[in-house]
Amino acid sequence: MSWGINATGALARIAICVGLLGCSGETGQREDASEQAEMALQGEKAIKREMWYRESFALEREAEVHVTTTLSDGPAVDVYIMSEVGLNKWETVVAKGQETADLTFEHYPALGLEGMSTRFTSSWTALAPGTYYLVIDNTSYGGTAPPRSRKDDVAIVDYKVEVR
């Protein structure tokens, strides 16, 4: 009999403790200001056939980056996040048309998509401090080329890059 009383007393103490914790105002979801996403880039661009667009953003500390792009009109495009080294190589090959045996450039595949034809949303991906570039490509270089036609083949892309 004494075992039942002690167990009941212990259960009552646990119920009181749980009840007090439940009334403390804590929701169980921690809202940390450092976890709030900040907008690094946002806009809409119309990119003509055989053209590309770039915009930079800087990270002063290691942070997670999230990219969302939507193609509202035009042919499929390639979307990349590149390091400064990657952009320099990209410009050498694409903008200046220099030939090279190595066509690779440093980019972050988790933050981009070759052949984006509707919408792309990346996962949150950690990047080291540095300068990065969002590149939207409507050229024949890369994974996707605009269709061969006599139209302008202008791609209209909405983009958003968030950092937390």
N, C-alpha and C. Protein backbone atom coordinates (compact mmCIF):
# COMPACT_ATOMS: atom_id res chain seq x y z
N MET A 1 0.81 -1.19 0.00
CA MET A 1 0.00 0.00 0.00
C MET A 1 0.86 1.26 0.00
N SER A 2 1.92 1.25 0.74
CA SER A 2 2.77 2.43 0.78
C SER A 2 3.40 2.69 -0.58
N TRP A 3 3.63 1.64 -1.40
CA TRP A 3 4.17 1.81 -2.74
C TRP A 3 3.21 2.64 -3.60
N GLY A 4 1.91 2.40 -3.51
CA GLY A 4 0.91 3.13 -4.27
C GLY A 4 0.86 4.59 -3.86
N ILE A 5 1.01 4.87 -2.57
CA ILE A 5 0.98 6.26 -2.11
C ILE A 5 2.20 7.01 -2.61
N ASN A 6 3.36 6.40 -2.51
CA ASN A 6 4.58 7.06 -2.98
C ASN A 6 4.52 7.30 -4.49
N ALA A 7 4.01 6.30 -5.23
CA ALA A 7 3.91 6.47 -6.67
C ALA A 7 2.92 7.57 -7.02
N THR A 8 1.82 7.62 -6.28
CA THR A 8 0.82 8.65 -6.53
C THR A 8 1.40 10.03 -6.21
N GLY A 9 2.13 10.12 -5.11
CA GLY A 9 2.77 11.38 -4.73
C GLY A 9 3.79 11.82 -5.77
N ALA A 10 4.55 10.84 -6.28
CA ALA A 10 5.55 11.17 -7.30
C ALA A 10 4.86 11.64 -8.57
N LEU A 11 3.79 10.97 -8.97
CA LEU A 11 3.04 11.38 -10.16
C LEU A 11 2.45 12.77 -9.98
N ALA A 12 1.98 13.07 -8.79
CA ALA A 12 1.42 14.39 -8.53
C ALA A 12 2.50 15.46 -8.65
N ARG A 13 3.69 15.17 -8.10
CA ARG A 13 4.79 16.14 -8.19
C ARG A 13 5.20 16.35 -9.67
N ILE A 14 5.24 15.27 -10.44
CA ILE A 14 5.58 15.39 -11.86
C ILE A 14 4.53 16.22 -12.59
N ALA A 15 3.25 15.96 -12.30
CA ALA A 15 2.17 16.70 -12.95
C ALA A 15 2.26 18.19 -12.61
N ILE A 16 2.60 18.51 -11.37
CA ILE A 16 2.73 19.91 -10.97
C ILE A 16 3.89 20.56 -11.72
N CYS A 17 5.03 19.86 -11.78
CA CYS A 17 6.20 20.41 -12.48
C CYS A 17 5.89 20.64 -13.96
N VAL A 18 5.26 19.67 -14.61
CA VAL A 18 4.92 19.80 -16.02
C VAL A 18 3.94 20.95 -16.20
N GLY A 19 2.97 21.07 -15.30
CA GLY A 19 2.00 22.15 -15.39
C GLY A 19 2.66 23.51 -15.26
N LEU A 20 3.62 23.63 -14.33
CA LEU A 20 4.31 24.90 -14.16
C LEU A 20 5.15 25.25 -15.38
N LEU A 21 5.82 24.26 -15.93
CA LEU A 21 6.61 24.52 -17.13
C LEU A 21 5.72 24.90 -18.30
N GLY A 22 4.57 24.26 -18.39
CA GLY A 22 3.64 24.54 -19.48
C GLY A 22 3.06 25.94 -19.39
N CYS A 23 3.02 26.53 -18.22
CA CYS A 23 2.47 27.86 -18.03
C CYS A 23 3.54 28.94 -18.04
N SER A 24 4.77 28.58 -18.34
CA SER A 24 5.86 29.55 -18.24
C SER A 24 5.90 30.53 -19.40
N GLY A 25 5.05 30.33 -20.41
CA GLY A 25 5.06 31.23 -21.55
C GLY A 25 5.96 30.74 -22.68
N GLU A 26 6.75 29.71 -22.46
CA GLU A 26 7.60 29.16 -23.50
C GLU A 26 6.74 28.37 -24.48
N THR A 27 6.99 28.54 -25.74
CA THR A 27 6.21 27.84 -26.75
C THR A 27 6.92 26.60 -27.27
N GLY A 28 8.17 26.42 -26.89
CA GLY A 28 8.92 25.29 -27.40
C GLY A 28 9.63 25.62 -28.70
N GLN A 29 9.32 26.77 -29.30
CA GLN A 29 9.99 27.20 -30.52
C GLN A 29 10.84 28.41 -30.19
N ARG A 30 12.13 28.25 -30.34
CA ARG A 30 13.04 29.33 -30.00
C ARG A 30 13.13 30.30 -31.16
N GLU A 31 12.87 31.54 -30.90
CA GLU A 31 13.00 32.57 -31.91
C GLU A 31 14.28 33.33 -31.63
N ASP A 32 15.30 33.03 -32.39
CA ASP A 32 16.60 33.65 -32.24
C ASP A 32 16.77 34.65 -33.38
N ALA A 33 17.13 35.88 -33.04
CA ALA A 33 17.26 36.92 -34.06
C ALA A 33 18.29 36.52 -35.13
N SER A 34 19.32 35.77 -34.72
CA SER A 34 20.33 35.39 -35.70
C SER A 34 19.81 34.36 -36.69
N GLU A 35 18.71 33.71 -36.39
CA GLU A 35 18.13 32.72 -37.29
C GLU A 35 17.12 33.34 -38.26
N GLN A 36 16.81 34.61 -38.10
CA GLN A 36 15.88 35.27 -39.01
C GLN A 36 16.58 35.54 -40.34
N ALA A 37 15.93 35.22 -41.41
CA ALA A 37 16.51 35.42 -42.75
C ALA A 37 16.48 36.89 -43.12
N GLU A 38 17.55 37.33 -43.76
CA GLU A 38 17.65 38.69 -44.29
C GLU A 38 17.73 38.60 -45.80
N MET A 39 17.15 39.56 -46.48
CA MET A 39 17.18 39.59 -47.93
C MET A 39 18.55 40.11 -48.39
N ALA A 40 19.27 39.32 -49.15
CA ALA A 40 20.55 39.75 -49.71
C ALA A 40 20.35 40.34 -51.11
N LEU A 41 19.49 39.71 -51.90
CA LEU A 41 19.18 40.17 -53.26
C LEU A 41 17.71 39.90 -53.54
N GLN A 42 17.09 40.76 -54.30
CA GLN A 42 15.72 40.53 -54.76
C GLN A 42 15.47 41.40 -55.97
N GLY A 43 14.79 40.83 -56.97
CA GLY A 43 14.48 41.61 -58.14
C GLY A 43 13.88 40.79 -59.25
N GLU A 44 13.73 41.45 -60.39
CA GLU A 44 13.25 40.80 -61.61
C GLU A 44 14.13 41.30 -62.76
N LYS A 45 14.54 40.39 -63.63
CA LYS A 45 15.40 40.76 -64.74
C LYS A 45 14.89 40.15 -66.02
N ALA A 46 14.94 40.93 -67.10
CA ALA A 46 14.66 40.45 -68.45
C ALA A 46 16.03 40.27 -69.11
N ILE A 47 16.33 39.04 -69.51
CA ILE A 47 17.66 38.72 -70.04
C ILE A 47 17.51 38.25 -71.48
N LYS A 48 18.11 39.00 -72.41
CA LYS A 48 18.02 38.68 -73.83
C LYS A 48 18.82 37.42 -74.16
N ARG A 49 18.49 36.86 -75.29
CA ARG A 49 19.20 35.69 -75.83
C ARG A 49 20.70 35.98 -75.91
N GLU A 50 21.51 35.00 -75.52
CA GLU A 50 22.96 35.08 -75.51
C GLU A 50 23.51 36.17 -74.59
N MET A 51 22.72 36.50 -73.56
CA MET A 51 23.15 37.45 -72.52
C MET A 51 23.05 36.74 -71.18
N TRP A 52 23.64 37.34 -70.17
CA TRP A 52 23.53 36.83 -68.82
C TRP A 52 23.58 37.98 -67.85
N TYR A 53 23.10 37.72 -66.65
CA TYR A 53 22.99 38.75 -65.63
C TYR A 53 23.71 38.27 -64.38
N ARG A 54 24.37 39.18 -63.71
CA ARG A 54 25.01 38.84 -62.44
C ARG A 54 24.75 39.94 -61.42
N GLU A 55 24.68 39.53 -60.17
CA GLU A 55 24.55 40.48 -59.07
C GLU A 55 25.28 39.89 -57.87
N SER A 56 26.03 40.71 -57.19
CA SER A 56 26.86 40.22 -56.07
C SER A 56 26.19 40.44 -54.72
N PHE A 57 26.62 39.62 -53.77
CA PHE A 57 26.28 39.82 -52.37
C PHE A 57 27.46 39.33 -51.55
N ALA A 58 27.66 39.92 -50.38
CA ALA A 58 28.81 39.59 -49.54
C ALA A 58 28.34 38.99 -48.22
N LEU A 59 29.11 38.03 -47.74
CA LEU A 59 28.89 37.44 -46.42
C LEU A 59 30.08 37.81 -45.55
N GLU A 60 29.82 38.47 -44.44
CA GLU A 60 30.90 38.86 -43.54
C GLU A 60 31.28 37.74 -42.58
N ARG A 61 30.38 36.77 -42.45
CA ARG A 61 30.63 35.60 -41.59
C ARG A 61 30.01 34.39 -42.27
N GLU A 62 30.33 33.21 -41.77
CA GLU A 62 29.69 32.02 -42.34
C GLU A 62 28.19 32.14 -42.14
N ALA A 63 27.44 31.80 -43.16
CA ALA A 63 25.98 31.94 -43.10
C ALA A 63 25.34 30.91 -44.03
N GLU A 64 24.05 30.69 -43.82
CA GLU A 64 23.27 29.84 -44.71
C GLU A 64 22.58 30.71 -45.75
N VAL A 65 22.55 30.22 -46.98
CA VAL A 65 21.98 30.96 -48.10
C VAL A 65 20.85 30.14 -48.72
N HIS A 66 19.80 30.84 -49.15
CA HIS A 66 18.62 30.21 -49.75
C HIS A 66 18.26 31.00 -51.00
N VAL A 67 18.06 30.30 -52.12
CA VAL A 67 17.80 30.95 -53.41
C VAL A 67 16.42 30.51 -53.91
N THR A 68 15.63 31.47 -54.38
CA THR A 68 14.35 31.19 -55.03
C THR A 68 14.32 31.97 -56.34
N THR A 69 14.03 31.27 -57.44
CA THR A 69 13.91 31.92 -58.73
C THR A 69 12.66 31.41 -59.44
N THR A 70 12.05 32.29 -60.22
CA THR A 70 10.86 31.93 -60.99
C THR A 70 11.02 32.48 -62.39
N LEU A 71 10.86 31.62 -63.38
CA LEU A 71 10.88 32.04 -64.78
C LEU A 71 9.44 32.36 -65.16
N SER A 72 9.14 33.65 -65.34
CA SER A 72 7.76 34.04 -65.65
C SER A 72 7.48 34.06 -67.15
N ASP A 73 8.55 34.13 -67.98
CA ASP A 73 8.36 34.11 -69.43
C ASP A 73 9.70 33.82 -70.08
N GLY A 74 9.65 33.16 -71.24
CA GLY A 74 10.85 32.94 -72.03
C GLY A 74 11.40 31.53 -71.90
N PRO A 75 12.58 31.31 -72.53
CA PRO A 75 13.18 29.98 -72.54
C PRO A 75 13.82 29.63 -71.19
N ALA A 76 14.08 28.36 -70.99
CA ALA A 76 14.75 27.90 -69.77
C ALA A 76 16.12 28.56 -69.66
N VAL A 77 16.55 28.81 -68.44
CA VAL A 77 17.83 29.45 -68.16
C VAL A 77 18.60 28.62 -67.13
N ASP A 78 19.88 28.95 -66.97
CA ASP A 78 20.70 28.35 -65.92
C ASP A 78 20.83 29.37 -64.80
N VAL A 79 20.73 28.89 -63.56
CA VAL A 79 20.87 29.75 -62.39
C VAL A 79 22.04 29.20 -61.56
N TYR A 80 22.98 30.08 -61.23
CA TYR A 80 24.15 29.67 -60.46
C TYR A 80 24.41 30.64 -59.33
N ILE A 81 24.97 30.13 -58.24
CA ILE A 81 25.64 30.96 -57.24
C ILE A 81 27.11 30.62 -57.40
N MET A 82 27.94 31.64 -57.64
CA MET A 82 29.37 31.44 -57.90
C MET A 82 30.20 32.21 -56.88
N SER A 83 31.38 31.68 -56.66
CA SER A 83 32.39 32.40 -55.89
C SER A 83 33.01 33.45 -56.82
N GLU A 84 33.85 34.29 -56.27
CA GLU A 84 34.53 35.29 -57.10
C GLU A 84 35.46 34.61 -58.11
N VAL A 85 36.14 33.54 -57.67
CA VAL A 85 37.01 32.78 -58.56
C VAL A 85 36.19 32.18 -59.70
N GLY A 86 35.04 31.61 -59.36
CA GLY A 86 34.16 31.03 -60.37
C GLY A 86 33.67 32.06 -61.36
N LEU A 87 33.30 33.23 -60.88
CA LEU A 87 32.83 34.29 -61.77
C LEU A 87 33.94 34.75 -62.71
N ASN A 88 35.16 34.88 -62.20
CA ASN A 88 36.28 35.30 -63.05
C ASN A 88 36.48 34.31 -64.19
N LYS A 89 36.39 33.02 -63.90
CA LYS A 89 36.54 32.01 -64.95
C LYS A 89 35.36 32.10 -65.91
N TRP A 90 34.16 32.26 -65.37
CA TRP A 90 32.95 32.38 -66.19
C TRP A 90 33.10 33.54 -67.18
N GLU A 91 33.53 34.69 -66.68
CA GLU A 91 33.70 35.86 -67.54
C GLU A 91 34.77 35.62 -68.60
N THR A 92 35.82 34.92 -68.26
CA THR A 92 36.88 34.62 -69.22
C THR A 92 36.34 33.78 -70.36
N VAL A 93 35.57 32.77 -70.03
CA VAL A 93 35.08 31.83 -71.03
C VAL A 93 33.86 32.39 -71.78
N VAL A 94 32.88 32.90 -71.05
CA VAL A 94 31.61 33.31 -71.66
C VAL A 94 31.67 34.73 -72.21
N ALA A 95 32.04 35.68 -71.40
CA ALA A 95 32.00 37.08 -71.84
C ALA A 95 33.11 37.42 -72.84
N LYS A 96 34.31 36.88 -72.61
CA LYS A 96 35.42 37.21 -73.48
C LYS A 96 35.62 36.18 -74.59
N GLY A 97 34.91 35.05 -74.49
CA GLY A 97 34.96 34.03 -75.52
C GLY A 97 36.30 33.33 -75.67
N GLN A 98 37.11 33.35 -74.61
CA GLN A 98 38.41 32.69 -74.69
C GLN A 98 38.25 31.18 -74.62
N GLU A 99 38.97 30.49 -75.44
CA GLU A 99 38.90 29.04 -75.44
C GLU A 99 39.76 28.47 -74.32
N THR A 100 39.27 27.39 -73.73
CA THR A 100 40.00 26.71 -72.68
C THR A 100 39.59 25.25 -72.70
N ALA A 101 40.52 24.39 -72.30
CA ALA A 101 40.21 22.95 -72.23
C ALA A 101 39.33 22.65 -71.03
N ASP A 102 39.47 23.46 -69.98
CA ASP A 102 38.71 23.24 -68.75
C ASP A 102 37.53 24.21 -68.71
N LEU A 103 36.34 23.69 -68.95
CA LEU A 103 35.15 24.53 -68.98
C LEU A 103 34.44 24.59 -67.63
N THR A 104 35.02 24.01 -66.60
CA THR A 104 34.38 24.03 -65.28
C THR A 104 34.65 25.36 -64.58
N PHE A 105 33.75 25.73 -63.71
CA PHE A 105 33.92 26.94 -62.91
C PHE A 105 33.32 26.64 -61.55
N GLU A 106 33.83 27.34 -60.55
CA GLU A 106 33.39 27.08 -59.18
C GLU A 106 32.00 27.67 -58.95
N HIS A 107 31.07 26.80 -58.66
CA HIS A 107 29.72 27.24 -58.29
C HIS A 107 29.17 26.26 -57.27
N TYR A 108 28.02 26.54 -56.72
CA TYR A 108 27.41 25.74 -55.66
C TYR A 108 26.14 25.10 -56.20
N PRO A 109 26.24 23.83 -56.66
CA PRO A 109 25.10 23.17 -57.30
C PRO A 109 23.82 23.15 -56.46
N ALA A 110 23.94 23.08 -55.14
CA ALA A 110 22.74 23.05 -54.29
C ALA A 110 21.98 24.38 -54.33
N LEU A 111 22.64 25.45 -54.77
CA LEU A 111 22.03 26.77 -54.79
C LEU A 111 21.62 27.23 -56.18
N GLY A 112 21.70 26.35 -57.16
CA GLY A 112 21.35 26.73 -58.53
C GLY A 112 20.72 25.58 -59.28
N LEU A 113 20.35 25.85 -60.53
CA LEU A 113 19.72 24.83 -61.37
C LEU A 113 19.99 25.14 -62.83
N GLU A 114 20.54 24.16 -63.53
CA GLU A 114 20.67 24.28 -64.98
C GLU A 114 19.36 23.84 -65.60
N GLY A 115 18.87 24.61 -66.56
CA GLY A 115 17.61 24.26 -67.22
C GLY A 115 16.38 24.62 -66.43
N MET A 116 16.43 25.71 -65.65
CA MET A 116 15.25 26.13 -64.90
C MET A 116 14.18 26.61 -65.87
N SER A 117 13.03 25.91 -65.86
CA SER A 117 11.97 26.26 -66.81
C SER A 117 10.72 26.80 -66.13
N THR A 118 10.62 26.69 -64.83
CA THR A 118 9.47 27.25 -64.12
C THR A 118 9.92 27.94 -62.83
N ARG A 119 10.28 27.14 -61.83
CA ARG A 119 10.62 27.69 -60.51
C ARG A 119 11.70 26.82 -59.88
N PHE A 120 12.56 27.45 -59.09
CA PHE A 120 13.59 26.73 -58.34
C PHE A 120 13.66 27.30 -56.94
N THR A 121 13.69 26.42 -55.96
CA THR A 121 13.89 26.80 -54.56
C THR A 121 14.96 25.89 -54.00
N SER A 122 16.04 26.48 -53.52
CA SER A 122 17.14 25.69 -52.97
C SER A 122 16.89 25.36 -51.52
N SER A 123 17.68 24.47 -50.99
CA SER A 123 17.71 24.23 -49.56
C SER A 123 18.64 25.29 -48.95
N TRP A 124 18.60 25.45 -47.64
CA TRP A 124 19.53 26.35 -46.97
C TRP A 124 20.90 25.69 -47.03
N THR A 125 21.90 26.43 -47.51
CA THR A 125 23.24 25.89 -47.70
C THR A 125 24.26 26.84 -47.08
N ALA A 126 25.16 26.28 -46.27
CA ALA A 126 26.17 27.09 -45.59
C ALA A 126 27.27 27.51 -46.56
N LEU A 127 27.65 28.79 -46.48
CA LEU A 127 28.76 29.33 -47.26
C LEU A 127 29.72 30.07 -46.33
N ALA A 128 30.99 30.04 -46.66
CA ALA A 128 32.02 30.74 -45.90
C ALA A 128 31.94 32.24 -46.19
N PRO A 129 32.57 33.06 -45.36
CA PRO A 129 32.60 34.50 -45.64
C PRO A 129 33.23 34.76 -47.01
N GLY A 130 32.73 35.76 -47.72
CA GLY A 130 33.27 36.11 -49.02
C GLY A 130 32.25 36.79 -49.89
N THR A 131 32.63 37.06 -51.12
CA THR A 131 31.74 37.67 -52.10
C THR A 131 31.24 36.59 -53.04
N TYR A 132 29.94 36.58 -53.27
CA TYR A 132 29.30 35.59 -54.12
C TYR A 132 28.47 36.31 -55.17
N TYR A 133 28.14 35.57 -56.23
CA TYR A 133 27.40 36.15 -57.34
C TYR A 133 26.24 35.24 -57.74
N LEU A 134 25.07 35.84 -57.87
CA LEU A 134 23.95 35.17 -58.50
C LEU A 134 24.12 35.41 -59.99
N VAL A 135 24.15 34.33 -60.78
CA VAL A 135 24.27 34.45 -62.23
C VAL A 135 23.07 33.77 -62.86
N ILE A 136 22.37 34.52 -63.72
CA ILE A 136 21.25 33.97 -64.49
C ILE A 136 21.70 34.00 -65.94
N ASP A 137 21.79 32.82 -66.54
CA ASP A 137 22.43 32.64 -67.85
C ASP A 137 21.41 32.27 -68.92
N ASN A 138 21.33 33.09 -69.96
CA ASN A 138 20.48 32.81 -71.13
C ASN A 138 21.37 32.71 -72.37
N THR A 139 22.57 32.07 -72.18
CA THR A 139 23.50 31.89 -73.29
C THR A 139 23.56 30.43 -73.70
N SER A 140 24.31 30.16 -74.74
CA SER A 140 24.51 28.79 -75.20
C SER A 140 25.53 28.06 -74.34
N TYR A 141 26.24 28.76 -73.48
CA TYR A 141 27.20 28.15 -72.57
C TYR A 141 26.45 27.59 -71.37
N GLY A 142 26.99 26.60 -70.73
CA GLY A 142 26.36 26.04 -69.54
C GLY A 142 25.44 24.89 -69.90
N GLY A 143 24.57 24.54 -69.00
CA GLY A 143 23.71 23.38 -69.17
C GLY A 143 22.54 23.56 -70.12
N THR A 144 22.14 24.80 -70.36
CA THR A 144 20.96 25.06 -71.18
C THR A 144 21.28 26.15 -72.20
N ALA A 145 20.79 25.98 -73.40
CA ALA A 145 20.96 26.99 -74.44
C ALA A 145 19.59 27.47 -74.88
N PRO A 146 19.46 28.76 -75.19
CA PRO A 146 18.17 29.23 -75.70
C PRO A 146 17.88 28.54 -77.04
N PRO A 147 16.62 28.36 -77.37
CA PRO A 147 16.29 27.69 -78.63
C PRO A 147 16.78 28.51 -79.82
N ARG A 148 17.12 27.84 -80.88
CA ARG A 148 17.54 28.54 -82.11
C ARG A 148 16.29 29.03 -82.83
N SER A 149 16.09 30.31 -82.78
CA SER A 149 14.92 30.91 -83.42
C SER A 149 15.27 32.33 -83.82
N ARG A 150 14.35 32.97 -84.46
CA ARG A 150 14.58 34.36 -84.86
C ARG A 150 14.00 35.33 -83.84
N LYS A 151 13.38 34.79 -82.80
CA LYS A 151 12.83 35.65 -81.74
C LYS A 151 13.95 36.11 -80.82
N ASP A 152 13.64 37.09 -80.02
CA ASP A 152 14.61 37.58 -79.04
C ASP A 152 14.87 36.56 -77.93
N ASP A 153 13.89 35.71 -77.66
CA ASP A 153 14.00 34.71 -76.59
C ASP A 153 14.43 35.35 -75.27
N VAL A 154 13.72 36.38 -74.88
CA VAL A 154 13.99 37.06 -73.62
C VAL A 154 13.43 36.23 -72.48
N ALA A 155 14.27 35.96 -71.48
CA ALA A 155 13.85 35.24 -70.28
C ALA A 155 13.59 36.28 -69.18
N ILE A 156 12.42 36.20 -68.56
CA ILE A 156 12.10 37.10 -67.46
C ILE A 156 12.11 36.27 -66.18
N VAL A 157 13.02 36.65 -65.27
CA VAL A 157 13.27 35.86 -64.06
C VAL A 157 13.12 36.73 -62.83
N ASP A 158 12.30 36.27 -61.89
CA ASP A 158 12.23 36.86 -60.55
C ASP A 158 13.22 36.09 -59.68
N TYR A 159 13.95 36.79 -58.84
CA TYR A 159 14.94 36.11 -57.99
C TYR A 159 14.95 36.69 -56.59
N LYS A 160 15.34 35.83 -55.67
CA LYS A 160 15.45 36.23 -54.27
C LYS A 160 16.56 35.38 -53.64
N VAL A 161 17.49 36.03 -52.96
CA VAL A 161 18.55 35.35 -52.22
C VAL A 161 18.45 35.81 -50.77
N GLU A 162 18.23 34.85 -49.88
CA GLU A 162 18.10 35.15 -48.45
C GLU A 162 19.30 34.57 -47.70
N VAL A 163 19.65 35.22 -46.59
CA VAL A 163 20.79 34.81 -45.77
C VAL A 163 20.35 34.77 -44.31
N ARG A 164 20.82 33.72 -43.61
CA ARG A 164 20.58 33.66 -42.16
C ARG A 164 21.79 33.13 -41.44
